[in-house]
């Protein structure tokens, strides 16, 4: 039996944000997911997935819940796992061997 843990994710939605940006980000917990793969399965097998949404007003504040929301998988562009570490909050990303900088010409 797997241990029940809440997974927090950063979800990039392909729809306009409240401030008029082309996409917006949501910080969410999905109680039924114990991994990124579980969350992707839930998104893939359901039109809507109920998640708990979190806001953060300032960088020096903790996240706080604003309640449950149903998100439609058709508007999800990307999902990253959130890790809270001693040295601060960050999203899990693979480490690169060398720094990469995009060149704009």
PDB file of N, CA and C in Angstrom:
ATOM      1  N   UNK A   1       0.849  -1.186   0.000  1.00  0.00           N
ATOM      2  CA  UNK A   1       0.000   0.000   0.000  1.00  0.00           C
ATOM      3  C   UNK A   1       0.893   1.247   0.000  1.00  0.00           C
ATOM      4  N   UNK A   2       0.562   2.194  -0.865  1.00  0.00           N
ATOM      5  CA  UNK A   2       1.346   3.411  -0.977  1.00  0.00           C
ATOM      6  C   UNK A   2       0.972   4.392   0.117  1.00  0.00           C
ATOM      7  N   UNK A   3       1.974   5.132   0.570  1.00  0.00           N
ATOM      8  CA  UNK A   3       1.730   6.152   1.580  1.00  0.00           C
ATOM      9  C   UNK A   3       0.972   7.312   0.944  1.00  0.00           C
ATOM     10  N   UNK A   4      -0.038   7.793   1.624  1.00  0.00           N
ATOM     11  CA  UNK A   4      -0.852   8.910   1.120  1.00  0.00           C
ATOM     12  C   UNK A   4      -0.162  10.229   1.420  1.00  0.00           C
ATOM     13  N   UNK A   5       0.246  10.940   0.379  1.00  0.00           N
ATOM     14  CA  UNK A   5       0.850  12.255   0.540  1.00  0.00           C
ATOM     15  C   UNK A   5       0.172  13.208  -0.424  1.00  0.00           C
ATOM     16  N   UNK A   6       0.124  14.464  -0.046  1.00  0.00           N
ATOM     17  CA  UNK A   6      -0.417  15.460  -0.957  1.00  0.00           C
ATOM     18  C   UNK A   6       0.701  15.936  -1.863  1.00  0.00           C
ATOM     19  N   UNK A   7       0.433  15.921  -3.144  1.00  0.00           N
ATOM     20  CA  UNK A   7       1.400  16.410  -4.116  1.00  0.00           C
ATOM     21  C   UNK A   7       0.973  17.806  -4.531  1.00  0.00           C
ATOM     22  N   UNK A   8       1.924  18.724  -4.514  1.00  0.00           N
ATOM     23  CA  UNK A   8       1.646  20.076  -4.985  1.00  0.00           C
ATOM     24  C   UNK A   8       2.286  20.239  -6.354  1.00  0.00           C
ATOM     25  N   UNK A   9       1.522  20.844  -7.250  1.00  0.00           N
ATOM     26  CA  UNK A   9       1.968  21.011  -8.625  1.00  0.00           C
ATOM     27  C   UNK A   9       1.830  22.465  -9.059  1.00  0.00           C
ATOM     28  N   UNK A  10       2.671  22.853  -9.984  1.00  0.00           N
ATOM     29  CA  UNK A  10       2.508  24.106 -10.719  1.00  0.00           C
ATOM     30  C   UNK A  10       1.889  23.713 -12.043  1.00  0.00           C
ATOM     31  N   UNK A  11       0.702  24.226 -12.325  1.00  0.00           N
ATOM     32  CA  UNK A  11      -0.009  23.914 -13.568  1.00  0.00           C
ATOM     33  C   UNK A  11      -0.030  25.174 -14.426  1.00  0.00           C
ATOM     34  N   UNK A  12       0.477  25.055 -15.638  1.00  0.00           N
ATOM     35  CA  UNK A  12       0.437  26.156 -16.600  1.00  0.00           C
ATOM     36  C   UNK A  12      -0.794  25.942 -17.467  1.00  0.00           C
ATOM     37  N   UNK A  13      -1.721  26.879 -17.403  1.00  0.00           N
ATOM     38  CA  UNK A  13      -2.973  26.780 -18.149  1.00  0.00           C
ATOM     39  C   UNK A  13      -2.876  27.593 -19.440  1.00  0.00           C
ATOM     40  N   UNK A  14      -3.295  27.005 -20.545  1.00  0.00           N
ATOM     41  CA  UNK A  14      -3.312  27.684 -21.838  1.00  0.00           C
ATOM     42  C   UNK A  14      -4.611  28.462 -21.999  1.00  0.00           C
ATOM     43  N   UNK A  15      -4.737  29.498 -21.212  1.00  0.00           N
ATOM     44  CA  UNK A  15      -5.895  30.387 -21.267  1.00  0.00           C
ATOM     45  C   UNK A  15      -5.489  31.705 -20.624  1.00  0.00           C
ATOM     46  N   UNK A  16      -6.130  32.783 -20.968  1.00  0.00           N
ATOM     47  CA  UNK A  16      -5.730  34.091 -20.428  1.00  0.00           C
ATOM     48  C   UNK A  16      -5.847  34.156 -18.912  1.00  0.00           C
ATOM     49  N   UNK A  17      -4.918  34.896 -18.312  1.00  0.00           N
ATOM     50  CA  UNK A  17      -4.945  35.100 -16.870  1.00  0.00           C
ATOM     51  C   UNK A  17      -5.818  36.307 -16.537  1.00  0.00           C
ATOM     52  N   UNK A  18      -6.037  36.500 -15.264  1.00  0.00           N
ATOM     53  CA  UNK A  18      -6.830  37.634 -14.781  1.00  0.00           C
ATOM     54  C   UNK A  18      -6.189  38.964 -15.182  1.00  0.00           C
ATOM     55  N   UNK A  19      -4.852  38.972 -15.234  1.00  0.00           N
ATOM     56  CA  UNK A  19      -4.129  40.203 -15.566  1.00  0.00           C
ATOM     57  C   UNK A  19      -3.931  40.398 -17.060  1.00  0.00           C
ATOM     58  N   UNK A  20      -4.450  39.478 -17.881  1.00  0.00           N
ATOM     59  CA  UNK A  20      -4.367  39.636 -19.329  1.00  0.00           C
ATOM     60  C   UNK A  20      -3.224  38.904 -20.002  1.00  0.00           C
ATOM     61  N   UNK A  21      -2.420  38.142 -19.242  1.00  0.00           N
ATOM     62  CA  UNK A  21      -1.364  37.349 -19.860  1.00  0.00           C
ATOM     63  C   UNK A  21      -1.972  36.213 -20.670  1.00  0.00           C
ATOM     64  N   UNK A  22      -1.226  35.726 -21.656  1.00  0.00           N
ATOM     65  CA  UNK A  22      -1.743  34.671 -22.539  1.00  0.00           C
ATOM     66  C   UNK A  22      -1.950  33.346 -21.811  1.00  0.00           C
ATOM     67  N   UNK A  23      -1.145  33.075 -20.796  1.00  0.00           N
ATOM     68  CA  UNK A  23      -1.286  31.862 -19.982  1.00  0.00           C
ATOM     69  C   UNK A  23      -1.267  32.268 -18.512  1.00  0.00           C
ATOM     70  N   UNK A  24      -1.719  31.352 -17.668  1.00  0.00           N
ATOM     71  CA  UNK A  24      -1.580  31.627 -16.241  1.00  0.00           C
ATOM     72  C   UNK A  24      -1.186  30.370 -15.482  1.00  0.00           C
ATOM     73  N   UNK A  25      -0.622  30.585 -14.294  1.00  0.00           N
ATOM     74  CA  UNK A  25      -0.119  29.512 -13.464  1.00  0.00           C
ATOM     75  C   UNK A  25      -1.040  29.293 -12.274  1.00  0.00           C
ATOM     76  N   UNK A  26      -1.171  28.026 -11.908  1.00  0.00           N
ATOM     77  CA  UNK A  26      -1.940  27.666 -10.725  1.00  0.00           C
ATOM     78  C   UNK A  26      -1.080  26.763  -9.854  1.00  0.00           C
ATOM     79  N   UNK A  27      -1.072  27.010  -8.556  1.00  0.00           N
ATOM     80  CA  UNK A  27      -0.425  26.123  -7.589  1.00  0.00           C
ATOM     81  C   UNK A  27      -1.535  25.272  -6.989  1.00  0.00           C
ATOM     82  N   UNK A  28      -1.445  23.959  -7.166  1.00  0.00           N
ATOM     83  CA  UNK A  28      -2.543  23.090  -6.742  1.00  0.00           C
ATOM     84  C   UNK A  28      -2.022  21.847  -6.027  1.00  0.00           C
ATOM     85  N   UNK A  29      -2.857  21.305  -5.138  1.00  0.00           N
ATOM     86  CA  UNK A  29      -2.652  19.990  -4.535  1.00  0.00           C
ATOM     87  C   UNK A  29      -3.713  19.066  -5.106  1.00  0.00           C
ATOM     88  N   UNK A  30      -3.296  17.851  -5.463  1.00  0.00           N
ATOM     89  CA  UNK A  30      -4.242  16.829  -5.904  1.00  0.00           C
ATOM     90  C   UNK A  30      -4.107  15.665  -4.934  1.00  0.00           C
ATOM     91  N   UNK A  31      -5.091  15.520  -4.073  1.00  0.00           N
ATOM     92  CA  UNK A  31      -5.008  14.569  -2.965  1.00  0.00           C
ATOM     93  C   UNK A  31      -4.913  13.114  -3.420  1.00  0.00           C
ATOM     94  N   UNK A  32      -5.423  12.781  -4.591  1.00  0.00           N
ATOM     95  CA  UNK A  32      -5.396  11.402  -5.074  1.00  0.00           C
ATOM     96  C   UNK A  32      -4.101  11.050  -5.784  1.00  0.00           C
ATOM     97  N   UNK A  33      -3.204  12.010  -5.951  1.00  0.00           N
ATOM     98  CA  UNK A  33      -1.954  11.756  -6.673  1.00  0.00           C
ATOM     99  C   UNK A  33      -0.781  11.658  -5.724  1.00  0.00           C
ATOM    100  N   UNK A  34       0.009  10.611  -5.900  1.00  0.00           N
ATOM    101  CA  UNK A  34       1.239  10.431  -5.144  1.00  0.00           C
ATOM    102  C   UNK A  34       2.470  10.679  -6.008  1.00  0.00           C
ATOM    103  N   UNK A  35       2.249  11.073  -7.268  1.00  0.00           N
ATOM    104  CA  UNK A  35       3.362  11.331  -8.180  1.00  0.00           C
ATOM    105  C   UNK A  35       2.850  12.168  -9.348  1.00  0.00           C
ATOM    106  N   UNK A  36       3.779  12.655 -10.132  1.00  0.00           N
ATOM    107  CA  UNK A  36       3.423  13.380 -11.352  1.00  0.00           C
ATOM    108  C   UNK A  36       2.658  12.466 -12.298  1.00  0.00           C
ATOM    109  N   UNK A  37       3.077  11.215 -12.382  1.00  0.00           N
ATOM    110  CA  UNK A  37       2.416  10.257 -13.256  1.00  0.00           C
ATOM    111  C   UNK A  37       0.955  10.038 -12.867  1.00  0.00           C
ATOM    112  N   UNK A  38       0.686   9.970 -11.547  1.00  0.00           N
ATOM    113  CA  UNK A  38      -0.701   9.827 -11.070  1.00  0.00           C
ATOM    114  C   UNK A  38      -1.547  11.022 -11.497  1.00  0.00           C
ATOM    115  N   UNK A  39      -0.977  12.218 -11.377  1.00  0.00           N
ATOM    116  CA  UNK A  39      -1.720  13.425 -11.749  1.00  0.00           C
ATOM    117  C   UNK A  39      -1.979  13.461 -13.248  1.00  0.00           C
ATOM    118  N   UNK A  40      -0.993  13.079 -14.041  1.00  0.00           N
ATOM    119  CA  UNK A  40      -1.174  13.032 -15.500  1.00  0.00           C
ATOM    120  C   UNK A  40      -2.253  12.013 -15.860  1.00  0.00           C
ATOM    121  N   UNK A  41      -2.265  10.860 -15.197  1.00  0.00           N
ATOM    122  CA  UNK A  41      -3.321   9.867 -15.430  1.00  0.00           C
ATOM    123  C   UNK A  41      -4.697  10.439 -15.103  1.00  0.00           C
ATOM    124  N   UNK A  42      -4.800  11.146 -13.981  1.00  0.00           N
ATOM    125  CA  UNK A  42      -6.082  11.748 -13.603  1.00  0.00           C
ATOM    126  C   UNK A  42      -6.523  12.763 -14.652  1.00  0.00           C
ATOM    127  N   UNK A  43      -5.586  13.592 -15.139  1.00  0.00           N
ATOM    128  CA  UNK A  43      -5.926  14.576 -16.173  1.00  0.00           C
ATOM    129  C   UNK A  43      -6.328  13.901 -17.475  1.00  0.00           C
ATOM    130  N   UNK A  44      -5.648  12.810 -17.818  1.00  0.00           N
ATOM    131  CA  UNK A  44      -5.895  12.131 -19.089  1.00  0.00           C
ATOM    132  C   UNK A  44      -7.216  11.373 -19.114  1.00  0.00           C
ATOM    133  N   UNK A  45      -7.668  10.930 -17.951  1.00  0.00           N
ATOM    134  CA  UNK A  45      -8.853  10.066 -17.900  1.00  0.00           C
ATOM    135  C   UNK A  45     -10.130  10.772 -17.461  1.00  0.00           C
ATOM    136  N   UNK A  46     -10.068  12.087 -17.270  1.00  0.00           N
ATOM    137  CA  UNK A  46     -11.242  12.833 -16.814  1.00  0.00           C
ATOM    138  C   UNK A  46     -11.303  14.173 -17.532  1.00  0.00           C
ATOM    139  N   UNK A  47     -12.523  14.630 -17.839  1.00  0.00           N
ATOM    140  CA  UNK A  47     -12.659  15.964 -18.424  1.00  0.00           C
ATOM    141  C   UNK A  47     -12.286  17.039 -17.423  1.00  0.00           C
ATOM    142  N   UNK A  48     -12.660  16.855 -16.158  1.00  0.00           N
ATOM    143  CA  UNK A  48     -12.341  17.797 -15.099  1.00  0.00           C
ATOM    144  C   UNK A  48     -11.695  17.056 -13.939  1.00  0.00           C
ATOM    145  N   UNK A  49     -10.743  17.711 -13.286  1.00  0.00           N
ATOM    146  CA  UNK A  49     -10.086  17.169 -12.104  1.00  0.00           C
ATOM    147  C   UNK A  49     -10.218  18.204 -10.994  1.00  0.00           C
ATOM    148  N   UNK A  50     -10.679  17.759  -9.827  1.00  0.00           N
ATOM    149  CA  UNK A  50     -10.831  18.662  -8.687  1.00  0.00           C
ATOM    150  C   UNK A  50      -9.505  18.716  -7.936  1.00  0.00           C
ATOM    151  N   UNK A  51      -9.015  19.942  -7.733  1.00  0.00           N
ATOM    152  CA  UNK A  51      -7.755  20.184  -7.028  1.00  0.00           C
ATOM    153  C   UNK A  51      -7.991  21.284  -6.002  1.00  0.00           C
ATOM    154  N   UNK A  52      -7.095  21.361  -5.017  1.00  0.00           N
ATOM    155  CA  UNK A  52      -7.131  22.461  -4.067  1.00  0.00           C
ATOM    156  C   UNK A  52      -6.138  23.513  -4.554  1.00  0.00           C
ATOM    157  N   UNK A  53      -6.603  24.741  -4.701  1.00  0.00           N
ATOM    158  CA  UNK A  53      -5.762  25.810  -5.240  1.00  0.00           C
ATOM    159  C   UNK A  53      -5.132  26.620  -4.108  1.00  0.00           C
ATOM    160  N   UNK A  54      -3.894  27.067  -4.331  1.00  0.00           N
ATOM    161  CA  UNK A  54      -3.153  27.839  -3.344  1.00  0.00           C
ATOM    162  C   UNK A  54      -2.663  29.143  -3.949  1.00  0.00           C
ATOM    163  N   UNK A  55      -2.701  30.195  -3.164  1.00  0.00           N
ATOM    164  CA  UNK A  55      -2.173  31.508  -3.542  1.00  0.00           C
ATOM    165  C   UNK A  55      -1.031  31.872  -2.609  1.00  0.00           C
ATOM    166  N   UNK A  56      -0.245  32.829  -3.067  1.00  0.00           N
ATOM    167  CA  UNK A  56       0.833  33.398  -2.260  1.00  0.00           C
ATOM    168  C   UNK A  56       0.890  34.867  -2.617  1.00  0.00           C
ATOM    169  N   UNK A  57       0.661  35.737  -1.640  1.00  0.00           N
ATOM    170  CA  UNK A  57       0.599  37.171  -1.918  1.00  0.00           C
ATOM    171  C   UNK A  57       1.972  37.803  -2.137  1.00  0.00           C
ATOM    172  N   UNK A  58       2.952  37.387  -1.330  1.00  0.00           N
ATOM    173  CA  UNK A  58       4.299  37.963  -1.422  1.00  0.00           C
ATOM    174  C   UNK A  58       5.321  36.845  -1.296  1.00  0.00           C
ATOM    175  N   UNK A  59       6.544  37.052  -1.806  1.00  0.00           N
ATOM    176  CA  UNK A  59       7.571  36.009  -1.712  1.00  0.00           C
ATOM    177  C   UNK A  59       7.907  35.581  -0.288  1.00  0.00           C
ATOM    178  N   UNK A  60       7.750  36.459   0.682  1.00  0.00           N
ATOM    179  CA  UNK A  60       8.094  36.113   2.062  1.00  0.00           C
ATOM    180  C   UNK A  60       6.945  35.447   2.823  1.00  0.00           C
ATOM    181  N   UNK A  61       5.833  35.196   2.158  1.00  0.00           N
ATOM    182  CA  UNK A  61       4.681  34.570   2.802  1.00  0.00           C
ATOM    183  C   UNK A  61       4.571  33.101   2.407  1.00  0.00           C
ATOM    184  N   UNK A  62       3.859  32.326   3.228  1.00  0.00           N
ATOM    185  CA  UNK A  62       3.552  30.944   2.877  1.00  0.00           C
ATOM    186  C   UNK A  62       2.331  30.908   1.967  1.00  0.00           C
ATOM    187  N   UNK A  63       2.182  29.791   1.245  1.00  0.00           N
ATOM    188  CA  UNK A  63       0.988  29.594   0.427  1.00  0.00           C
ATOM    189  C   UNK A  63      -0.208  29.350   1.338  1.00  0.00           C
ATOM    190  N   UNK A  64      -1.376  29.783   0.890  1.00  0.00           N
ATOM    191  CA  UNK A  64      -2.597  29.527   1.642  1.00  0.00           C
ATOM    192  C   UNK A  64      -3.675  29.032   0.677  1.00  0.00           C
ATOM    193  N   UNK A  65      -4.541  28.179   1.189  1.00  0.00           N
ATOM    194  CA  UNK A  65      -5.581  27.567   0.366  1.00  0.00           C
ATOM    195  C   UNK A  65      -6.701  28.560   0.071  1.00  0.00           C
ATOM    196  N   UNK A  66      -7.179  28.535  -1.166  1.00  0.00           N
ATOM    197  CA  UNK A  66      -8.346  29.323  -1.542  1.00  0.00           C
ATOM    198  C   UNK A  66      -9.499  28.400  -1.932  1.00  0.00           C
ATOM    199  N   UNK A  67      -9.343  27.101  -1.618  1.00  0.00           N
ATOM    200  CA  UNK A  67     -10.427  26.151  -1.831  1.00  0.00           C
ATOM    201  C   UNK A  67     -10.243  25.278  -3.066  1.00  0.00           C
ATOM    202  N   UNK A  68     -11.246  24.445  -3.270  1.00  0.00           N
ATOM    203  CA  UNK A  68     -11.217  23.503  -4.389  1.00  0.00           C
ATOM    204  C   UNK A  68     -11.662  24.178  -5.679  1.00  0.00           C
ATOM    205  N   UNK A  69     -11.099  23.682  -6.773  1.00  0.00           N
ATOM    206  CA  UNK A  69     -11.473  24.156  -8.104  1.00  0.00           C
ATOM    207  C   UNK A  69     -11.360  22.969  -9.059  1.00  0.00           C
ATOM    208  N   UNK A  70     -12.214  22.923 -10.050  1.00  0.00           N
ATOM    209  CA  UNK A  70     -12.149  21.881 -11.079  1.00  0.00           C
ATOM    210  C   UNK A  70     -11.445  22.462 -12.297  1.00  0.00           C
ATOM    211  N   UNK A  71     -10.388  21.776 -12.750  1.00  0.00           N
ATOM    212  CA  UNK A  71      -9.681  22.237 -13.942  1.00  0.00           C
ATOM    213  C   UNK A  71      -9.950  21.269 -15.089  1.00  0.00           C
ATOM    214  N   UNK A  72     -10.047  21.816 -16.287  1.00  0.00           N
ATOM    215  CA  UNK A  72     -10.315  21.035 -17.489  1.00  0.00           C
ATOM    216  C   UNK A  72      -8.987  20.669 -18.132  1.00  0.00           C
ATOM    217  N   UNK A  73      -8.803  19.384 -18.399  1.00  0.00           N
ATOM    218  CA  UNK A  73      -7.526  18.914 -18.943  1.00  0.00           C
ATOM    219  C   UNK A  73      -7.195  19.519 -20.309  1.00  0.00           C
ATOM    220  N   UNK A  74      -8.190  19.978 -21.030  1.00  0.00           N
ATOM    221  CA  UNK A  74      -7.942  20.526 -22.377  1.00  0.00           C
ATOM    222  C   UNK A  74      -7.147  21.822 -22.352  1.00  0.00           C
ATOM    223  N   UNK A  75      -7.112  22.500 -21.217  1.00  0.00           N
ATOM    224  CA  UNK A  75      -6.416  23.777 -21.113  1.00  0.00           C
ATOM    225  C   UNK A  75      -5.096  23.691 -20.346  1.00  0.00           C
ATOM    226  N   UNK A  76      -4.704  22.481 -19.961  1.00  0.00           N
ATOM    227  CA  UNK A  76      -3.441  22.302 -19.247  1.00  0.00           C
ATOM    228  C   UNK A  76      -2.313  22.200 -20.268  1.00  0.00           C
ATOM    229  N   UNK A  77      -1.323  23.085 -20.121  1.00  0.00           N
ATOM    230  CA  UNK A  77      -0.187  23.066 -21.034  1.00  0.00           C
ATOM    231  C   UNK A  77       1.007  22.327 -20.458  1.00  0.00           C
ATOM    232  N   UNK A  78       1.323  22.574 -19.181  1.00  0.00           N
ATOM    233  CA  UNK A  78       2.463  21.946 -18.516  1.00  0.00           C
ATOM    234  C   UNK A  78       2.142  21.739 -17.046  1.00  0.00           C
ATOM    235  N   UNK A  79       2.821  20.760 -16.460  1.00  0.00           N
ATOM    236  CA  UNK A  79       2.697  20.498 -15.023  1.00  0.00           C
ATOM    237  C   UNK A  79       4.090  20.204 -14.479  1.00  0.00           C
ATOM    238  N   UNK A  80       4.431  20.825 -13.345  1.00  0.00           N
ATOM    239  CA  UNK A  80       5.682  20.543 -12.646  1.00  0.00           C
ATOM    240  C   UNK A  80       5.372  20.212 -11.202  1.00  0.00           C
ATOM    241  N   UNK A  81       6.209  19.366 -10.599  1.00  0.00           N
ATOM    242  CA  UNK A  81       6.067  19.014  -9.195  1.00  0.00           C
ATOM    243  C   UNK A  81       6.718  20.095  -8.348  1.00  0.00           C
ATOM    244  N   UNK A  82       6.040  20.500  -7.287  1.00  0.00           N
ATOM    245  CA  UNK A  82       6.554  21.495  -6.350  1.00  0.00           C
ATOM    246  C   UNK A  82       7.263  20.783  -5.212  1.00  0.00           C
ATOM    247  N   UNK A  83       8.470  21.241  -4.883  1.00  0.00           N
ATOM    248  CA  UNK A  83       9.220  20.707  -3.742  1.00  0.00           C
ATOM    249  C   UNK A  83       9.523  21.841  -2.787  1.00  0.00           C
ATOM    250  N   UNK A  84       9.153  21.687  -1.532  1.00  0.00           N
ATOM    251  CA  UNK A  84       9.521  22.686  -0.527  1.00  0.00           C
ATOM    252  C   UNK A  84      10.776  22.178   0.162  1.00  0.00           C
ATOM    253  N   UNK A  85      11.835  22.975   0.092  1.00  0.00           N
ATOM    254  CA  UNK A  85      13.123  22.575   0.639  1.00  0.00           C
ATOM    255  C   UNK A  85      13.573  23.577   1.683  1.00  0.00           C
ATOM    256  N   UNK A  86      14.589  23.198   2.444  1.00  0.00           N
ATOM    257  CA  UNK A  86      15.101  24.094   3.477  1.00  0.00           C
ATOM    258  C   UNK A  86      15.622  25.392   2.892  1.00  0.00           C
ATOM    259  N   UNK A  87      16.197  25.330   1.699  1.00  0.00           N
ATOM    260  CA  UNK A  87      16.764  26.530   1.092  1.00  0.00           C
ATOM    261  C   UNK A  87      15.731  27.311   0.282  1.00  0.00           C
ATOM    262  N   UNK A  88      14.464  27.005   0.468  1.00  0.00           N
ATOM    263  CA  UNK A  88      13.424  27.759  -0.221  1.00  0.00           C
ATOM    264  C   UNK A  88      12.539  26.865  -1.065  1.00  0.00           C
ATOM    265  N   UNK A  89      11.589  27.476  -1.711  1.00  0.00           N
ATOM    266  CA  UNK A  89      10.634  26.750  -2.527  1.00  0.00           C
ATOM    267  C   UNK A  89      11.152  26.678  -3.949  1.00  0.00           C
ATOM    268  N   UNK A  90      10.926  25.542  -4.566  1.00  0.00           N
ATOM    269  CA  UNK A  90      11.323  25.418  -5.958  1.00  0.00           C
ATOM    270  C   UNK A  90      10.520  24.304  -6.611  1.00  0.00           C
ATOM    271  N   UNK A  91      10.543  24.321  -7.916  1.00  0.00           N
ATOM    272  CA  UNK A  91       9.900  23.273  -8.691  1.00  0.00           C
ATOM    273  C   UNK A  91      10.949  22.324  -9.197  1.00  0.00           C
ATOM    274  N   UNK A  92      10.624  21.043  -9.183  1.00  0.00           N
ATOM    275  CA  UNK A  92      11.573  20.028  -9.609  1.00  0.00           C
ATOM    276  C   UNK A  92      11.859  20.191 -11.097  1.00  0.00           C
ATOM    277  N   UNK A  93      13.128  20.286 -11.413  1.00  0.00           N
ATOM    278  CA  UNK A  93      13.544  20.372 -12.812  1.00  0.00           C
ATOM    279  C   UNK A  93      14.847  19.612 -12.961  1.00  0.00           C
ATOM    280  N   UNK A  94      15.048  18.964 -14.091  1.00  0.00           N
ATOM    281  CA  UNK A  94      16.306  18.234 -14.277  1.00  0.00           C
ATOM    282  C   UNK A  94      17.489  19.190 -14.266  1.00  0.00           C
ATOM    283  N   UNK A  95      18.587  18.741 -13.716  1.00  0.00           N
ATOM    284  CA  UNK A  95      19.801  19.544 -13.678  1.00  0.00           C
ATOM    285  C   UNK A  95      20.537  19.399 -14.999  1.00  0.00           C
ATOM    286  N   UNK A  96      21.059  20.495 -15.479  1.00  0.00           N
ATOM    287  CA  UNK A  96      21.830  20.473 -16.719  1.00  0.00           C
ATOM    288  C   UNK A  96      23.310  20.466 -16.386  1.00  0.00           C
ATOM    289  N   UNK A  97      24.098  19.844 -17.253  1.00  0.00           N
ATOM    290  CA  UNK A  97      25.543  19.804 -17.045  1.00  0.00           C
ATOM    291  C   UNK A  97      26.181  21.160 -17.300  1.00  0.00           C
ATOM    292  N   UNK A  98      25.668  21.866 -18.260  1.00  0.00           N
ATOM    293  CA  UNK A  98      26.232  23.173 -18.587  1.00  0.00           C
ATOM    294  C   UNK A  98      25.086  24.173 -18.694  1.00  0.00           C
ATOM    295  N   UNK A  99      25.353  25.425 -18.322  1.00  0.00           N
ATOM    296  CA  UNK A  99      24.286  26.418 -18.442  1.00  0.00           C
ATOM    297  C   UNK A  99      23.894  26.624 -19.902  1.00  0.00           C
ATOM    298  N   UNK A 100      22.616  26.811 -20.124  1.00  0.00           N
ATOM    299  CA  UNK A 100      22.097  27.018 -21.468  1.00  0.00           C
ATOM    300  C   UNK A 100      21.451  28.400 -21.509  1.00  0.00           C
ATOM    301  N   UNK A 101      21.805  29.144 -22.467  1.00  0.00           N
ATOM    302  CA  UNK A 101      21.181  30.455 -22.652  1.00  0.00           C
ATOM    303  C   UNK A 101      20.637  30.529 -24.067  1.00  0.00           C
ATOM    304  N   UNK A 102      19.406  30.884 -24.167  1.00  0.00           N
ATOM    305  CA  UNK A 102      18.779  31.011 -25.481  1.00  0.00           C
ATOM    306  C   UNK A 102      19.276  32.276 -26.156  1.00  0.00           C
ATOM    307  N   UNK A 103      19.637  32.144 -27.381  1.00  0.00           N
ATOM    308  CA  UNK A 103      20.103  33.279 -28.149  1.00  0.00           C
ATOM    309  C   UNK A 103      18.969  33.795 -29.016  1.00  0.00           C
ATOM    310  N   UNK A 104      18.684  35.056 -28.902  1.00  0.00           N
ATOM    311  CA  UNK A 104      17.683  35.692 -29.758  1.00  0.00           C
ATOM    312  C   UNK A 104      18.410  36.493 -30.828  1.00  0.00           C
ATOM    313  N   UNK A 105      18.064  36.242 -32.049  1.00  0.00           N
ATOM    314  CA  UNK A 105      18.710  36.949 -33.159  1.00  0.00           C
ATOM    315  C   UNK A 105      17.714  37.809 -33.886  1.00  0.00           C
TER     316      UNK A 105
END
